[in-house]
Amino acid sequence: MTNTTLSPKKKARQRILEAAAESFQTLGYARTTTQGIADKAAVAEVTLFRQFGDKQTLFKSVIQEIGGGVDFEMLETQLSGDLEADLTLISQQALHFFITQQDAIRMLMFESVHFPEMKAALAQNPSGMIALLVRYFNKQGDAGKVQIADSQLTAQAFMSMIFGYSIAMHPMSDLLPAKISVENMSDEFVRIFLAVLQ
């Protein structure tokens, strides 16, 4: 969303980024044109080039915006040490982010086949969540609250469940037999996971 306190130059840059994100997500990289983005952002194409140089640099800027969505340090400070409450919080934060960004993530997944350098942007948030979980599971293990043979494997399994649901199942939730809220799905993920850990 555009911030009204931004300078005109920064407002134009933000409008370009928003227009580019929408265009790349709906049309894909190959079919998106810089003129189309400029028109959507209500700027001259030359302004887009002054701000970003070329389409590839603009795309990378959009990817960085998508990739930088979760504040892992802030999330980590909110963890209490209560295993169920903490996993629920992490699960809800991850589900919310991945579901909110599902179109952009699917676009990155598709485009990374043609542009392998995009895989790093795609992996940024899942990797950050996994790293947070590894640290958390190690602390829980040191405190004797859980016995985990491989914190990396456990963290990746937990995040895979959340990521898979967010990207593959949630988009067709209206076609599934039961409508389940994100909170209820998060609670169920944690319940299943705790049953295995304990």
N, C-alpha and C. Protein backbone atom coordinates (compact mmCIF):
# COMPACT_ATOMS: atom_id res chain seq x y z
N MET A 1 0.84 -1.17 0.00
CA MET A 1 0.00 0.00 0.00
C MET A 1 0.89 1.24 0.00
N THR A 2 0.48 2.25 -0.74
CA THR A 2 1.31 3.45 -0.90
C THR A 2 1.23 4.31 0.35
N ASN A 3 2.39 4.76 0.81
CA ASN A 3 2.48 5.60 1.99
C ASN A 3 2.39 7.06 1.55
N THR A 4 1.45 7.83 2.11
CA THR A 4 1.24 9.22 1.69
C THR A 4 2.38 10.14 2.13
N THR A 5 3.26 9.71 3.02
CA THR A 5 4.36 10.55 3.48
C THR A 5 5.61 10.39 2.60
N LEU A 6 5.55 9.54 1.58
CA LEU A 6 6.70 9.35 0.71
C LEU A 6 6.88 10.54 -0.22
N SER A 7 8.15 10.80 -0.60
CA SER A 7 8.43 11.85 -1.58
C SER A 7 7.84 11.43 -2.93
N PRO A 8 7.62 12.39 -3.85
CA PRO A 8 7.09 12.03 -5.17
C PRO A 8 7.90 10.95 -5.88
N LYS A 9 9.25 11.01 -5.77
CA LYS A 9 10.10 10.02 -6.40
C LYS A 9 9.87 8.63 -5.79
N LYS A 10 9.78 8.59 -4.45
CA LYS A 10 9.55 7.31 -3.78
C LYS A 10 8.13 6.80 -4.04
N LYS A 11 7.17 7.71 -4.16
CA LYS A 11 5.80 7.30 -4.49
C LYS A 11 5.77 6.65 -5.86
N ALA A 12 6.47 7.26 -6.83
CA ALA A 12 6.52 6.69 -8.18
C ALA A 12 7.18 5.32 -8.14
N ARG A 13 8.27 5.20 -7.38
CA ARG A 13 8.97 3.91 -7.26
C ARG A 13 8.04 2.86 -6.66
N GLN A 14 7.29 3.23 -5.63
CA GLN A 14 6.38 2.29 -4.99
C GLN A 14 5.26 1.87 -5.94
N ARG A 15 4.73 2.84 -6.69
CA ARG A 15 3.68 2.52 -7.67
C ARG A 15 4.21 1.57 -8.75
N ILE A 16 5.45 1.80 -9.17
CA ILE A 16 6.06 0.92 -10.17
C ILE A 16 6.21 -0.50 -9.61
N LEU A 17 6.70 -0.60 -8.37
CA LEU A 17 6.87 -1.92 -7.75
C LEU A 17 5.54 -2.65 -7.62
N GLU A 18 4.50 -1.93 -7.19
CA GLU A 18 3.18 -2.54 -7.04
C GLU A 18 2.62 -2.98 -8.39
N ALA A 19 2.76 -2.13 -9.40
CA ALA A 19 2.27 -2.47 -10.73
C ALA A 19 3.06 -3.65 -11.31
N ALA A 20 4.36 -3.65 -11.07
CA ALA A 20 5.21 -4.74 -11.58
C ALA A 20 4.84 -6.06 -10.90
N ALA A 21 4.65 -6.03 -9.59
CA ALA A 21 4.29 -7.26 -8.86
C ALA A 21 2.99 -7.83 -9.41
N GLU A 22 2.00 -6.97 -9.60
CA GLU A 22 0.72 -7.43 -10.13
C GLU A 22 0.88 -7.98 -11.54
N SER A 23 1.63 -7.28 -12.38
CA SER A 23 1.83 -7.73 -13.77
C SER A 23 2.59 -9.04 -13.84
N PHE A 24 3.68 -9.15 -13.08
CA PHE A 24 4.46 -10.39 -13.11
C PHE A 24 3.63 -11.57 -12.60
N GLN A 25 2.80 -11.32 -11.58
CA GLN A 25 1.99 -12.41 -11.02
C GLN A 25 0.89 -12.84 -11.97
N THR A 26 0.30 -11.91 -12.69
CA THR A 26 -0.81 -12.28 -13.56
C THR A 26 -0.36 -12.69 -14.96
N LEU A 27 0.71 -12.08 -15.46
CA LEU A 27 1.14 -12.36 -16.83
C LEU A 27 2.38 -13.24 -16.92
N GLY A 28 3.16 -13.30 -15.83
CA GLY A 28 4.45 -13.99 -15.89
C GLY A 28 5.52 -13.03 -16.38
N TYR A 29 6.77 -13.45 -16.24
CA TYR A 29 7.88 -12.57 -16.60
C TYR A 29 7.93 -12.28 -18.10
N ALA A 30 7.82 -13.32 -18.92
CA ALA A 30 8.02 -13.15 -20.36
C ALA A 30 6.97 -12.23 -20.99
N ARG A 31 5.71 -12.32 -20.55
CA ARG A 31 4.64 -11.53 -21.17
C ARG A 31 4.50 -10.13 -20.58
N THR A 32 5.15 -9.87 -19.48
CA THR A 32 5.09 -8.53 -18.88
C THR A 32 6.03 -7.59 -19.61
N THR A 33 5.53 -6.39 -19.94
CA THR A 33 6.38 -5.40 -20.62
C THR A 33 6.60 -4.20 -19.69
N THR A 34 7.72 -3.53 -19.88
CA THR A 34 7.99 -2.33 -19.08
C THR A 34 6.98 -1.23 -19.39
N GLN A 35 6.53 -1.15 -20.64
CA GLN A 35 5.52 -0.14 -20.99
C GLN A 35 4.20 -0.43 -20.28
N GLY A 36 3.82 -1.71 -20.22
CA GLY A 36 2.60 -2.09 -19.51
C GLY A 36 2.68 -1.74 -18.04
N ILE A 37 3.83 -1.99 -17.42
CA ILE A 37 4.02 -1.65 -16.00
C ILE A 37 3.95 -0.15 -15.81
N ALA A 38 4.62 0.59 -16.68
CA ALA A 38 4.62 2.06 -16.58
C ALA A 38 3.20 2.60 -16.71
N ASP A 39 2.44 2.07 -17.66
CA ASP A 39 1.05 2.52 -17.83
C ASP A 39 0.23 2.24 -16.57
N LYS A 40 0.39 1.05 -16.03
CA LYS A 40 -0.36 0.66 -14.82
C LYS A 40 0.03 1.53 -13.62
N ALA A 41 1.31 1.94 -13.57
CA ALA A 41 1.81 2.76 -12.45
C ALA A 41 1.59 4.25 -12.69
N ALA A 42 1.07 4.59 -13.87
CA ALA A 42 0.82 6.00 -14.24
C ALA A 42 2.11 6.82 -14.22
N VAL A 43 3.18 6.24 -14.78
CA VAL A 43 4.44 6.95 -14.95
C VAL A 43 4.92 6.74 -16.38
N ALA A 44 5.84 7.59 -16.81
CA ALA A 44 6.45 7.40 -18.12
C ALA A 44 7.40 6.20 -18.05
N GLU A 45 7.52 5.48 -19.16
CA GLU A 45 8.42 4.32 -19.19
C GLU A 45 9.84 4.74 -18.84
N VAL A 46 10.25 5.94 -19.24
CA VAL A 46 11.60 6.43 -18.94
C VAL A 46 11.80 6.54 -17.41
N THR A 47 10.73 6.86 -16.67
CA THR A 47 10.83 6.91 -15.21
C THR A 47 11.13 5.53 -14.64
N LEU A 48 10.49 4.53 -15.20
CA LEU A 48 10.75 3.15 -14.78
C LEU A 48 12.22 2.80 -15.01
N PHE A 49 12.73 3.17 -16.20
CA PHE A 49 14.13 2.86 -16.51
C PHE A 49 15.10 3.64 -15.61
N ARG A 50 14.75 4.90 -15.27
CA ARG A 50 15.61 5.68 -14.36
C ARG A 50 15.66 5.03 -12.98
N GLN A 51 14.52 4.53 -12.54
CA GLN A 51 14.43 3.94 -11.20
C GLN A 51 15.10 2.56 -11.12
N PHE A 52 14.90 1.75 -12.18
CA PHE A 52 15.31 0.34 -12.09
C PHE A 52 16.28 -0.12 -13.17
N GLY A 53 16.46 0.65 -14.22
CA GLY A 53 17.41 0.27 -15.26
C GLY A 53 16.81 -0.61 -16.34
N ASP A 54 16.29 -1.77 -15.96
CA ASP A 54 15.72 -2.67 -16.95
C ASP A 54 14.70 -3.60 -16.29
N LYS A 55 14.05 -4.39 -17.09
CA LYS A 55 12.99 -5.29 -16.61
C LYS A 55 13.53 -6.32 -15.61
N GLN A 56 14.70 -6.86 -15.89
CA GLN A 56 15.26 -7.88 -14.99
C GLN A 56 15.57 -7.30 -13.61
N THR A 57 16.14 -6.10 -13.57
CA THR A 57 16.43 -5.46 -12.28
C THR A 57 15.13 -5.15 -11.53
N LEU A 58 14.12 -4.71 -12.26
CA LEU A 58 12.82 -4.46 -11.64
C LEU A 58 12.24 -5.76 -11.08
N PHE A 59 12.34 -6.82 -11.83
CA PHE A 59 11.83 -8.11 -11.36
C PHE A 59 12.55 -8.55 -10.09
N LYS A 60 13.86 -8.36 -10.06
CA LYS A 60 14.62 -8.72 -8.86
C LYS A 60 14.19 -7.87 -7.66
N SER A 61 13.88 -6.60 -7.90
CA SER A 61 13.40 -5.73 -6.82
C SER A 61 12.05 -6.21 -6.29
N VAL A 62 11.18 -6.63 -7.20
CA VAL A 62 9.88 -7.18 -6.79
C VAL A 62 10.09 -8.44 -5.96
N ILE A 63 11.00 -9.30 -6.40
CA ILE A 63 11.30 -10.54 -5.69
C ILE A 63 11.80 -10.24 -4.27
N GLN A 64 12.67 -9.24 -4.14
CA GLN A 64 13.19 -8.88 -2.81
C GLN A 64 12.06 -8.42 -1.90
N GLU A 65 11.11 -7.69 -2.46
CA GLU A 65 9.96 -7.27 -1.66
C GLU A 65 9.15 -8.48 -1.21
N ILE A 66 8.96 -9.43 -2.10
CA ILE A 66 8.21 -10.65 -1.77
C ILE A 66 8.99 -11.46 -0.74
N GLY A 67 10.30 -11.60 -0.97
CA GLY A 67 11.12 -12.44 -0.11
C GLY A 67 11.29 -11.91 1.29
N GLY A 68 11.16 -10.62 1.48
CA GLY A 68 11.46 -10.04 2.79
C GLY A 68 10.25 -9.85 3.67
N GLY A 69 9.29 -10.77 3.65
CA GLY A 69 8.02 -10.53 4.31
C GLY A 69 7.94 -10.83 5.78
N VAL A 70 8.70 -11.74 6.32
CA VAL A 70 8.53 -12.16 7.71
C VAL A 70 9.67 -11.59 8.55
N ASP A 71 9.31 -10.96 9.68
CA ASP A 71 10.32 -10.42 10.60
C ASP A 71 10.65 -11.53 11.60
N PHE A 72 11.67 -12.33 11.27
CA PHE A 72 12.00 -13.50 12.09
C PHE A 72 12.50 -13.11 13.48
N GLU A 73 13.25 -12.02 13.57
CA GLU A 73 13.75 -11.58 14.88
C GLU A 73 12.59 -11.21 15.80
N MET A 74 11.63 -10.46 15.26
CA MET A 74 10.47 -10.08 16.06
C MET A 74 9.67 -11.32 16.47
N LEU A 75 9.47 -12.23 15.54
CA LEU A 75 8.73 -13.45 15.85
C LEU A 75 9.44 -14.25 16.94
N GLU A 76 10.75 -14.33 16.85
CA GLU A 76 11.51 -15.11 17.83
C GLU A 76 11.40 -14.50 19.23
N THR A 77 11.31 -13.16 19.32
CA THR A 77 11.18 -12.52 20.65
C THR A 77 9.82 -12.79 21.27
N GLN A 78 8.84 -13.19 20.47
CA GLN A 78 7.48 -13.45 20.98
C GLN A 78 7.32 -14.87 21.50
N LEU A 79 8.32 -15.72 21.30
CA LEU A 79 8.21 -17.11 21.73
C LEU A 79 8.42 -17.21 23.24
N SER A 80 7.53 -17.98 23.89
CA SER A 80 7.50 -18.03 25.35
C SER A 80 8.21 -19.23 25.95
N GLY A 81 8.45 -20.26 25.14
CA GLY A 81 9.00 -21.50 25.68
C GLY A 81 7.94 -22.57 25.83
N ASP A 82 6.66 -22.18 25.75
CA ASP A 82 5.55 -23.13 25.78
C ASP A 82 5.44 -23.74 24.38
N LEU A 83 5.74 -25.02 24.26
CA LEU A 83 5.86 -25.67 22.96
C LEU A 83 4.61 -25.51 22.09
N GLU A 84 3.45 -25.81 22.65
CA GLU A 84 2.21 -25.73 21.86
C GLU A 84 1.91 -24.29 21.44
N ALA A 85 2.01 -23.37 22.39
CA ALA A 85 1.72 -21.96 22.07
C ALA A 85 2.71 -21.41 21.03
N ASP A 86 3.98 -21.75 21.18
CA ASP A 86 4.99 -21.24 20.25
C ASP A 86 4.84 -21.81 18.85
N LEU A 87 4.61 -23.12 18.76
CA LEU A 87 4.41 -23.72 17.43
C LEU A 87 3.14 -23.19 16.78
N THR A 88 2.13 -22.91 17.57
CA THR A 88 0.89 -22.32 17.03
C THR A 88 1.18 -20.93 16.48
N LEU A 89 1.92 -20.13 17.23
CA LEU A 89 2.27 -18.78 16.77
C LEU A 89 3.08 -18.84 15.47
N ILE A 90 4.11 -19.69 15.44
CA ILE A 90 4.95 -19.83 14.25
C ILE A 90 4.11 -20.31 13.07
N SER A 91 3.28 -21.30 13.33
CA SER A 91 2.43 -21.85 12.27
C SER A 91 1.49 -20.80 11.71
N GLN A 92 0.85 -20.04 12.59
CA GLN A 92 -0.09 -19.01 12.13
C GLN A 92 0.61 -17.91 11.34
N GLN A 93 1.78 -17.49 11.81
CA GLN A 93 2.54 -16.47 11.09
C GLN A 93 2.95 -16.97 9.71
N ALA A 94 3.44 -18.20 9.65
CA ALA A 94 3.87 -18.77 8.38
C ALA A 94 2.69 -18.95 7.43
N LEU A 95 1.59 -19.51 7.94
CA LEU A 95 0.40 -19.70 7.10
C LEU A 95 -0.10 -18.36 6.57
N HIS A 96 -0.18 -17.38 7.44
CA HIS A 96 -0.68 -16.08 7.02
C HIS A 96 0.20 -15.49 5.91
N PHE A 97 1.50 -15.53 6.11
CA PHE A 97 2.40 -14.98 5.10
C PHE A 97 2.31 -15.74 3.78
N PHE A 98 2.41 -17.07 3.84
CA PHE A 98 2.41 -17.86 2.61
C PHE A 98 1.08 -17.75 1.86
N ILE A 99 -0.02 -17.71 2.60
CA ILE A 99 -1.32 -17.58 1.94
C ILE A 99 -1.47 -16.20 1.33
N THR A 100 -1.04 -15.16 2.05
CA THR A 100 -1.11 -13.80 1.52
C THR A 100 -0.28 -13.66 0.25
N GLN A 101 0.86 -14.33 0.22
CA GLN A 101 1.79 -14.22 -0.91
C GLN A 101 1.69 -15.39 -1.89
N GLN A 102 0.61 -16.19 -1.81
CA GLN A 102 0.56 -17.42 -2.61
C GLN A 102 0.68 -17.18 -4.11
N ASP A 103 0.06 -16.11 -4.62
CA ASP A 103 0.16 -15.85 -6.07
C ASP A 103 1.60 -15.53 -6.46
N ALA A 104 2.25 -14.69 -5.65
CA ALA A 104 3.64 -14.33 -5.93
C ALA A 104 4.56 -15.54 -5.81
N ILE A 105 4.31 -16.38 -4.82
CA ILE A 105 5.15 -17.56 -4.63
C ILE A 105 4.98 -18.53 -5.79
N ARG A 106 3.74 -18.75 -6.22
CA ARG A 106 3.51 -19.64 -7.36
C ARG A 106 4.17 -19.07 -8.63
N MET A 107 4.11 -17.74 -8.80
CA MET A 107 4.76 -17.11 -9.94
C MET A 107 6.27 -17.35 -9.88
N LEU A 108 6.86 -17.19 -8.71
CA LEU A 108 8.30 -17.44 -8.56
C LEU A 108 8.63 -18.90 -8.84
N MET A 109 7.76 -19.81 -8.39
CA MET A 109 8.00 -21.23 -8.63
C MET A 109 8.01 -21.51 -10.13
N PHE A 110 7.06 -20.94 -10.84
CA PHE A 110 6.99 -21.14 -12.28
C PHE A 110 8.19 -20.50 -12.98
N GLU A 111 8.49 -19.25 -12.63
CA GLU A 111 9.56 -18.52 -13.32
C GLU A 111 10.94 -19.07 -12.97
N SER A 112 11.09 -19.70 -11.81
CA SER A 112 12.41 -20.22 -11.43
C SER A 112 12.85 -21.36 -12.33
N VAL A 113 11.91 -21.97 -13.05
CA VAL A 113 12.28 -22.99 -14.04
C VAL A 113 13.10 -22.34 -15.15
N HIS A 114 12.71 -21.13 -15.53
CA HIS A 114 13.40 -20.41 -16.61
C HIS A 114 14.53 -19.51 -16.10
N PHE A 115 14.40 -19.09 -14.84
CA PHE A 115 15.39 -18.19 -14.24
C PHE A 115 15.83 -18.78 -12.90
N PRO A 116 16.79 -19.71 -12.91
CA PRO A 116 17.19 -20.41 -11.67
C PRO A 116 17.62 -19.50 -10.54
N GLU A 117 18.09 -18.28 -10.86
CA GLU A 117 18.53 -17.37 -9.79
C GLU A 117 17.37 -16.95 -8.89
N MET A 118 16.14 -17.17 -9.33
CA MET A 118 14.97 -16.79 -8.54
C MET A 118 14.71 -17.77 -7.40
N LYS A 119 15.34 -18.93 -7.45
CA LYS A 119 15.11 -19.92 -6.40
C LYS A 119 15.52 -19.39 -5.03
N ALA A 120 16.56 -18.58 -4.98
CA ALA A 120 17.01 -18.02 -3.70
C ALA A 120 15.93 -17.14 -3.08
N ALA A 121 15.28 -16.33 -3.90
CA ALA A 121 14.19 -15.48 -3.40
C ALA A 121 13.02 -16.33 -2.94
N LEU A 122 12.72 -17.36 -3.69
CA LEU A 122 11.62 -18.26 -3.35
C LEU A 122 11.87 -18.96 -2.02
N ALA A 123 13.12 -19.33 -1.77
CA ALA A 123 13.47 -20.09 -0.57
C ALA A 123 13.69 -19.21 0.66
N GLN A 124 13.74 -17.89 0.49
CA GLN A 124 14.15 -17.01 1.58
C GLN A 124 13.27 -17.16 2.83
N ASN A 125 11.96 -17.04 2.68
CA ASN A 125 11.10 -17.13 3.86
C ASN A 125 10.98 -18.54 4.42
N PRO A 126 10.79 -19.58 3.58
CA PRO A 126 10.81 -20.93 4.16
C PRO A 126 12.11 -21.24 4.88
N SER A 127 13.24 -20.82 4.30
CA SER A 127 14.54 -21.06 4.95
C SER A 127 14.65 -20.32 6.28
N GLY A 128 14.16 -19.08 6.30
CA GLY A 128 14.18 -18.31 7.55
C GLY A 128 13.33 -18.95 8.64
N MET A 129 12.16 -19.45 8.25
CA MET A 129 11.29 -20.14 9.21
C MET A 129 11.94 -21.42 9.71
N ILE A 130 12.56 -22.16 8.80
CA ILE A 130 13.22 -23.40 9.21
C ILE A 130 14.37 -23.11 10.16
N ALA A 131 15.16 -22.08 9.87
CA ALA A 131 16.28 -21.72 10.76
C ALA A 131 15.77 -21.33 12.15
N LEU A 132 14.66 -20.58 12.18
CA LEU A 132 14.06 -20.20 13.47
C LEU A 132 13.62 -21.46 14.23
N LEU A 133 12.97 -22.38 13.52
CA LEU A 133 12.50 -23.62 14.16
C LEU A 133 13.65 -24.49 14.64
N VAL A 134 14.74 -24.54 13.89
CA VAL A 134 15.91 -25.32 14.32
C VAL A 134 16.44 -24.78 15.64
N ARG A 135 16.58 -23.45 15.71
CA ARG A 135 17.05 -22.84 16.97
C ARG A 135 16.07 -23.15 18.10
N TYR A 136 14.80 -23.03 17.81
CA TYR A 136 13.77 -23.27 18.83
C TYR A 136 13.79 -24.72 19.31
N PHE A 137 13.82 -25.66 18.38
CA PHE A 137 13.83 -27.07 18.76
C PHE A 137 15.10 -27.43 19.53
N ASN A 138 16.23 -26.83 19.18
CA ASN A 138 17.47 -27.07 19.92
C ASN A 138 17.34 -26.56 21.35
N LYS A 139 16.74 -25.37 21.54
CA LYS A 139 16.53 -24.84 22.90
C LYS A 139 15.58 -25.74 23.69
N GLN A 140 14.52 -26.19 23.03
CA GLN A 140 13.56 -27.08 23.70
C GLN A 140 14.22 -28.40 24.08
N GLY A 141 15.08 -28.91 23.20
CA GLY A 141 15.81 -30.14 23.49
C GLY A 141 16.78 -29.96 24.64
N ASP A 142 17.50 -28.83 24.66
CA ASP A 142 18.44 -28.54 25.75
C ASP A 142 17.72 -28.41 27.08
N ALA A 143 16.48 -27.93 27.04
CA ALA A 143 15.69 -27.76 28.27
C ALA A 143 14.99 -29.06 28.67
N GLY A 144 15.15 -30.11 27.86
CA GLY A 144 14.54 -31.40 28.17
C GLY A 144 13.04 -31.48 27.89
N LYS A 145 12.53 -30.55 27.10
CA LYS A 145 11.09 -30.53 26.81
C LYS A 145 10.70 -31.43 25.65
N VAL A 146 11.64 -31.67 24.73
CA VAL A 146 11.41 -32.57 23.60
C VAL A 146 12.67 -33.37 23.32
N GLN A 147 12.48 -34.52 22.70
CA GLN A 147 13.62 -35.32 22.26
C GLN A 147 13.55 -35.39 20.74
N ILE A 148 14.45 -34.67 20.10
CA ILE A 148 14.48 -34.62 18.65
C ILE A 148 15.86 -35.05 18.19
N ALA A 149 15.90 -36.07 17.35
CA ALA A 149 17.18 -36.58 16.87
C ALA A 149 17.84 -35.62 15.89
N ASP A 150 17.03 -34.97 15.06
CA ASP A 150 17.57 -34.09 14.02
C ASP A 150 16.67 -32.85 13.91
N SER A 151 17.09 -31.76 14.55
CA SER A 151 16.27 -30.54 14.57
C SER A 151 16.03 -29.98 13.17
N GLN A 152 17.03 -30.10 12.29
CA GLN A 152 16.89 -29.61 10.92
C GLN A 152 15.78 -30.37 10.19
N LEU A 153 15.80 -31.68 10.31
CA LEU A 153 14.80 -32.52 9.66
C LEU A 153 13.41 -32.23 10.21
N THR A 154 13.30 -32.12 11.54
CA THR A 154 12.02 -31.85 12.18
C THR A 154 11.47 -30.49 11.77
N ALA A 155 12.34 -29.49 11.75
CA ALA A 155 11.93 -28.14 11.35
C ALA A 155 11.47 -28.12 9.91
N GLN A 156 12.21 -28.80 9.05
CA GLN A 156 11.85 -28.81 7.63
C GLN A 156 10.54 -29.56 7.41
N ALA A 157 10.30 -30.63 8.15
CA ALA A 157 9.04 -31.37 8.02
C ALA A 157 7.86 -30.48 8.44
N PHE A 158 8.02 -29.77 9.54
CA PHE A 158 6.94 -28.89 10.02
C PHE A 158 6.65 -27.79 9.01
N MET A 159 7.70 -27.16 8.49
CA MET A 159 7.51 -26.07 7.54
C MET A 159 6.98 -26.58 6.20
N SER A 160 7.37 -27.78 5.80
CA SER A 160 6.86 -28.35 4.55
C SER A 160 5.36 -28.56 4.62
N MET A 161 4.87 -28.99 5.77
CA MET A 161 3.44 -29.20 5.96
C MET A 161 2.69 -27.87 5.77
N ILE A 162 3.21 -26.81 6.38
CA ILE A 162 2.57 -25.50 6.31
C ILE A 162 2.67 -24.91 4.90
N PHE A 163 3.86 -24.97 4.31
CA PHE A 163 4.08 -24.41 2.99
C PHE A 163 3.24 -25.15 1.95
N GLY A 164 3.22 -26.47 2.04
CA GLY A 164 2.45 -27.27 1.10
C GLY A 164 0.97 -26.94 1.16
N TYR A 165 0.44 -26.81 2.37
CA TYR A 165 -0.98 -26.46 2.50
C TYR A 165 -1.24 -25.07 1.93
N SER A 166 -0.39 -24.11 2.27
CA SER A 166 -0.59 -22.72 1.85
C SER A 166 -0.59 -22.57 0.33
N ILE A 167 0.30 -23.27 -0.34
CA ILE A 167 0.47 -23.07 -1.77
C ILE A 167 -0.37 -24.04 -2.60
N ALA A 168 -0.56 -25.26 -2.11
CA ALA A 168 -1.28 -26.26 -2.91
C ALA A 168 -2.74 -26.42 -2.53
N MET A 169 -3.05 -26.46 -1.24
CA MET A 169 -4.41 -26.77 -0.80
C MET A 169 -5.28 -25.54 -0.60
N HIS A 170 -4.73 -24.49 0.02
CA HIS A 170 -5.55 -23.32 0.34
C HIS A 170 -6.19 -22.69 -0.90
N PRO A 171 -5.50 -22.59 -2.04
CA PRO A 171 -6.13 -21.97 -3.21
C PRO A 171 -7.42 -22.67 -3.66
N MET A 172 -7.57 -23.95 -3.33
CA MET A 172 -8.80 -24.64 -3.72
C MET A 172 -9.67 -24.99 -2.51
N SER A 173 -9.49 -24.23 -1.41
CA SER A 173 -10.23 -24.52 -0.19
C SER A 173 -11.74 -24.44 -0.37
N ASP A 174 -12.20 -23.57 -1.29
CA ASP A 174 -13.63 -23.47 -1.51
C ASP A 174 -14.20 -24.70 -2.23
N LEU A 175 -13.35 -25.54 -2.80
CA LEU A 175 -13.79 -26.75 -3.47
C LEU A 175 -13.71 -27.99 -2.58
N LEU A 176 -13.09 -27.85 -1.42
CA LEU A 176 -12.92 -28.99 -0.51
C LEU A 176 -14.20 -29.20 0.31
N PRO A 177 -14.38 -30.42 0.85
CA PRO A 177 -15.64 -30.73 1.56
C PRO A 177 -15.94 -29.81 2.74
N ALA A 178 -14.92 -29.34 3.45
CA ALA A 178 -15.17 -28.51 4.63
C ALA A 178 -14.35 -27.22 4.54
N LYS A 179 -14.97 -26.12 4.94
CA LYS A 179 -14.28 -24.83 5.00
C LYS A 179 -13.61 -24.74 6.37
N ILE A 180 -12.29 -24.62 6.38
CA ILE A 180 -11.52 -24.61 7.63
C ILE A 180 -10.75 -23.31 7.70
N SER A 181 -10.86 -22.62 8.82
CA SER A 181 -10.14 -21.35 8.98
C SER A 181 -8.64 -21.60 9.10
N VAL A 182 -7.86 -20.57 8.83
CA VAL A 182 -6.40 -20.66 8.96
C VAL A 182 -6.03 -21.01 10.40
N GLU A 183 -6.74 -20.42 11.36
CA GLU A 183 -6.45 -20.69 12.77
C GLU A 183 -6.69 -22.15 13.12
N ASN A 184 -7.84 -22.69 12.65
CA ASN A 184 -8.14 -24.09 12.93
C ASN A 184 -7.16 -25.03 12.24
N MET A 185 -6.76 -24.68 11.01
CA MET A 185 -5.79 -25.51 10.30
C MET A 185 -4.44 -25.47 11.03
N SER A 186 -4.06 -24.30 11.48
CA SER A 186 -2.82 -24.15 12.23
C SER A 186 -2.85 -25.00 13.50
N ASP A 187 -3.97 -24.92 14.24
CA ASP A 187 -4.12 -25.72 15.47
C ASP A 187 -4.00 -27.21 15.17
N GLU A 188 -4.58 -27.64 14.06
CA GLU A 188 -4.53 -29.06 13.71
C GLU A 188 -3.12 -29.49 13.33
N PHE A 189 -2.40 -28.66 12.59
CA PHE A 189 -1.01 -28.97 12.27
C PHE A 189 -0.20 -29.16 13.55
N VAL A 190 -0.38 -28.25 14.50
CA VAL A 190 0.37 -28.31 15.76
C VAL A 190 -0.03 -29.55 16.55
N ARG A 191 -1.33 -29.85 16.60
CA ARG A 191 -1.80 -31.03 17.34
C ARG A 191 -1.18 -32.30 16.78
N ILE A 192 -1.21 -32.44 15.46
CA ILE A 192 -0.62 -33.63 14.82
C ILE A 192 0.87 -33.70 15.09
N PHE A 193 1.53 -32.56 14.98
CA PHE A 193 2.99 -32.51 15.15
C PHE A 193 3.37 -32.84 16.58
N LEU A 194 2.64 -32.30 17.55
CA LEU A 194 2.95 -32.59 18.96
C LEU A 194 2.71 -34.04 19.30
N ALA A 195 1.73 -34.66 18.68
CA ALA A 195 1.46 -36.08 18.94
C ALA A 195 2.65 -36.93 18.53
N VAL A 196 3.36 -36.49 17.50
CA VAL A 196 4.55 -37.22 17.03
C VAL A 196 5.75 -36.92 17.94
N LEU A 197 5.87 -35.66 18.38
CA LEU A 197 7.05 -35.27 19.18
C LEU A 197 6.99 -35.81 20.60
N GLN A 198 5.80 -35.97 21.15
CA GLN A 198 5.71 -36.31 22.58
C GLN A 198 5.43 -37.77 22.81
